[in-house]
Amino acid sequence: MKKKGHTPITRVKNPEPNVNDPDWIIWAAWADRITFEEIEKKTGKTESEVIKIMRRSVKPTSFRLWRKRVNQKSIKHRKKFEYSRKKITSKIKKNDYF
């Protein structure tokens, strides 16, 4: 006989808001795996518009930290992200001894 119970709910520190919610753009801008191209496709906001939204919406120190992070990470732009993935994949294949 199976014990009936509830399925556990996974709690996430920063859950994804609804796409129609203005906070989604801020959430997506902070997310490393969401590119500016994806944000534009879902919301119609360009990279410069996202930067303006972030400048108005977060504290100045947080904005500077975010800009530094976005400029250092190569994954906020689709082409740079795909290039970095190809580089990692080629390194794995080179070091693969099987």
C-alpha atoms as a PDB file:
ATOM      1  CA  MET A   1       0.000   0.000   0.000  1.00  0.00           C
ATOM      2  CA  LYS A   2       1.426   3.350  -1.057  1.00  0.00           C
ATOM      3  CA  LYS A   3       1.612   6.113   1.447  1.00  0.00           C
ATOM      4  CA  LYS A   4      -0.267   9.165   0.283  1.00  0.00           C
ATOM      5  CA  GLY A   5       1.512  12.395   0.861  1.00  0.00           C
ATOM      6  CA  HIS A   6       2.032  15.675  -0.775  1.00  0.00           C
ATOM      7  CA  THR A   7       4.788  16.340  -3.237  1.00  0.00           C
ATOM      8  CA  PRO A   8       7.387  18.717  -1.841  1.00  0.00           C
ATOM      9  CA  ILE A   9       7.460  22.219  -3.215  1.00  0.00           C
ATOM     10  CA  THR A  10      10.871  23.372  -4.330  1.00  0.00           C
ATOM     11  CA  ARG A  11      11.519  26.797  -2.956  1.00  0.00           C
ATOM     12  CA  VAL A  12      13.669  29.099  -5.024  1.00  0.00           C
ATOM     13  CA  LYS A  13      15.375  32.154  -3.579  1.00  0.00           C
ATOM     14  CA  ASN A  14      14.388  34.363  -6.524  1.00  0.00           C
ATOM     15  CA  PRO A  15      11.480  32.716  -8.353  1.00  0.00           C
ATOM     16  CA  GLU A  16      10.738  33.825 -11.894  1.00  0.00           C
ATOM     17  CA  PRO A  17       8.013  36.480 -12.003  1.00  0.00           C
ATOM     18  CA  ASN A  18       5.333  36.545 -14.683  1.00  0.00           C
ATOM     19  CA  VAL A  19       6.603  37.845 -18.057  1.00  0.00           C
ATOM     20  CA  ASN A  20       3.907  40.542 -18.055  1.00  0.00           C
ATOM     21  CA  ASP A  21       5.167  41.826 -14.699  1.00  0.00           C
ATOM     22  CA  PRO A  22       7.625  44.761 -14.994  1.00  0.00           C
ATOM     23  CA  ASP A  23       9.859  42.998 -12.456  1.00  0.00           C
ATOM     24  CA  TRP A  24      10.470  40.227 -14.998  1.00  0.00           C
ATOM     25  CA  ILE A  25      12.842  42.461 -16.979  1.00  0.00           C
ATOM     26  CA  ILE A  26      14.909  43.147 -13.860  1.00  0.00           C
ATOM     27  CA  TRP A  27      14.882  39.454 -12.946  1.00  0.00           C
ATOM     28  CA  ALA A  28      15.921  38.448 -16.472  1.00  0.00           C
ATOM     29  CA  ALA A  29      18.646  41.109 -16.597  1.00  0.00           C
ATOM     30  CA  TRP A  30      20.232  39.638 -13.459  1.00  0.00           C
ATOM     31  CA  ALA A  31      19.883  36.055 -14.722  1.00  0.00           C
ATOM     32  CA  ASP A  32      23.104  34.895 -16.377  1.00  0.00           C
ATOM     33  CA  ARG A  33      21.504  32.472 -18.820  1.00  0.00           C
ATOM     34  CA  ILE A  34      18.966  34.897 -20.290  1.00  0.00           C
ATOM     35  CA  THR A  35      20.426  36.930 -23.142  1.00  0.00           C
ATOM     36  CA  PHE A  36      19.411  40.421 -24.185  1.00  0.00           C
ATOM     37  CA  GLU A  37      18.053  38.903 -27.396  1.00  0.00           C
ATOM     38  CA  GLU A  38      15.679  36.670 -25.420  1.00  0.00           C
ATOM     39  CA  ILE A  39      14.528  39.627 -23.319  1.00  0.00           C
ATOM     40  CA  GLU A  40      13.831  41.582 -26.499  1.00  0.00           C
ATOM     41  CA  LYS A  41      11.933  38.664 -28.039  1.00  0.00           C
ATOM     42  CA  LYS A  42       9.696  38.257 -24.981  1.00  0.00           C
ATOM     43  CA  THR A  43       9.154  41.912 -24.023  1.00  0.00           C
ATOM     44  CA  GLY A  44      10.138  44.008 -27.027  1.00  0.00           C
ATOM     45  CA  LYS A  45      12.703  45.941 -24.933  1.00  0.00           C
ATOM     46  CA  THR A  46      16.117  46.461 -26.524  1.00  0.00           C
ATOM     47  CA  GLU A  47      19.396  46.219 -24.622  1.00  0.00           C
ATOM     48  CA  SER A  48      19.588  50.001 -24.184  1.00  0.00           C
ATOM     49  CA  GLU A  49      16.008  50.088 -22.860  1.00  0.00           C
ATOM     50  CA  VAL A  50      16.838  47.309 -20.384  1.00  0.00           C
ATOM     51  CA  ILE A  51      19.872  49.315 -19.221  1.00  0.00           C
ATOM     52  CA  LYS A  52      17.649  52.377 -18.686  1.00  0.00           C
ATOM     53  CA  ILE A  53      15.121  50.295 -16.744  1.00  0.00           C
ATOM     54  CA  MET A  54      17.880  48.867 -14.565  1.00  0.00           C
ATOM     55  CA  ARG A  55      19.344  52.339 -13.972  1.00  0.00           C
ATOM     56  CA  ARG A  56      15.953  53.634 -12.742  1.00  0.00           C
ATOM     57  CA  SER A  57      14.888  50.545 -10.823  1.00  0.00           C
ATOM     58  CA  VAL A  58      17.882  49.436  -8.775  1.00  0.00           C
ATOM     59  CA  LYS A  59      20.191  51.274  -6.410  1.00  0.00           C
ATOM     60  CA  PRO A  60      23.189  53.004  -8.020  1.00  0.00           C
ATOM     61  CA  THR A  61      25.661  50.582  -6.438  1.00  0.00           C
ATOM     62  CA  SER A  62      23.605  47.602  -7.613  1.00  0.00           C
ATOM     63  CA  PHE A  63      23.422  49.074 -11.104  1.00  0.00           C
ATOM     64  CA  ARG A  64      27.215  49.520 -11.275  1.00  0.00           C
ATOM     65  CA  LEU A  65      27.719  45.971 -10.022  1.00  0.00           C
ATOM     66  CA  TRP A  66      25.271  44.657 -12.640  1.00  0.00           C
ATOM     67  CA  ARG A  67      26.950  46.601 -15.477  1.00  0.00           C
ATOM     68  CA  LYS A  68      30.357  45.308 -14.429  1.00  0.00           C
ATOM     69  CA  ARG A  69      28.977  41.779 -14.299  1.00  0.00           C
ATOM     70  CA  VAL A  70      27.257  42.042 -17.700  1.00  0.00           C
ATOM     71  CA  ASN A  71      30.393  43.456 -19.344  1.00  0.00           C
ATOM     72  CA  GLN A  72      32.617  40.734 -17.900  1.00  0.00           C
ATOM     73  CA  LYS A  73      30.270  37.849 -18.669  1.00  0.00           C
ATOM     74  CA  SER A  74      30.214  36.800 -22.278  1.00  0.00           C
ATOM     75  CA  ILE A  75      26.831  35.133 -22.046  1.00  0.00           C
ATOM     76  CA  LYS A  76      24.429  38.077 -22.067  1.00  0.00           C
ATOM     77  CA  HIS A  77      24.734  38.238 -25.866  1.00  0.00           C
ATOM     78  CA  ARG A  78      23.722  35.265 -27.992  1.00  0.00           C
ATOM     79  CA  LYS A  79      26.778  35.255 -30.308  1.00  0.00           C
ATOM     80  CA  LYS A  80      29.267  35.559 -27.455  1.00  0.00           C
ATOM     81  CA  PHE A  81      27.394  32.871 -25.517  1.00  0.00           C
ATOM     82  CA  GLU A  82      27.451  30.440 -28.439  1.00  0.00           C
ATOM     83  CA  TYR A  83      31.155  31.156 -29.042  1.00  0.00           C
ATOM     84  CA  SER A  84      32.018  30.507 -25.384  1.00  0.00           C
ATOM     85  CA  ARG A  85      30.043  27.237 -25.454  1.00  0.00           C
ATOM     86  CA  LYS A  86      31.926  26.076 -28.571  1.00  0.00           C
ATOM     87  CA  LYS A  87      35.229  26.880 -26.865  1.00  0.00           C
ATOM     88  CA  ILE A  88      34.297  24.861 -23.777  1.00  0.00           C
ATOM     89  CA  THR A  89      33.043  21.938 -25.875  1.00  0.00           C
ATOM     90  CA  SER A  90      36.258  21.821 -27.908  1.00  0.00           C
ATOM     91  CA  LYS A  91      38.336  21.792 -24.705  1.00  0.00           C
ATOM     92  CA  ILE A  92      36.293  18.887 -23.372  1.00  0.00           C
ATOM     93  CA  LYS A  93      36.752  16.924 -26.595  1.00  0.00           C
ATOM     94  CA  LYS A  94      40.523  17.587 -26.585  1.00  0.00           C
ATOM     95  CA  ASN A  95      40.908  16.373 -23.020  1.00  0.00           C
ATOM     96  CA  ASP A  96      38.613  13.395 -23.487  1.00  0.00           C
ATOM     97  CA  TYR A  97      40.733  10.248 -23.299  1.00  0.00           C
ATOM     98  CA  PHE A  98      38.020   7.683 -23.931  1.00  0.00           C
END
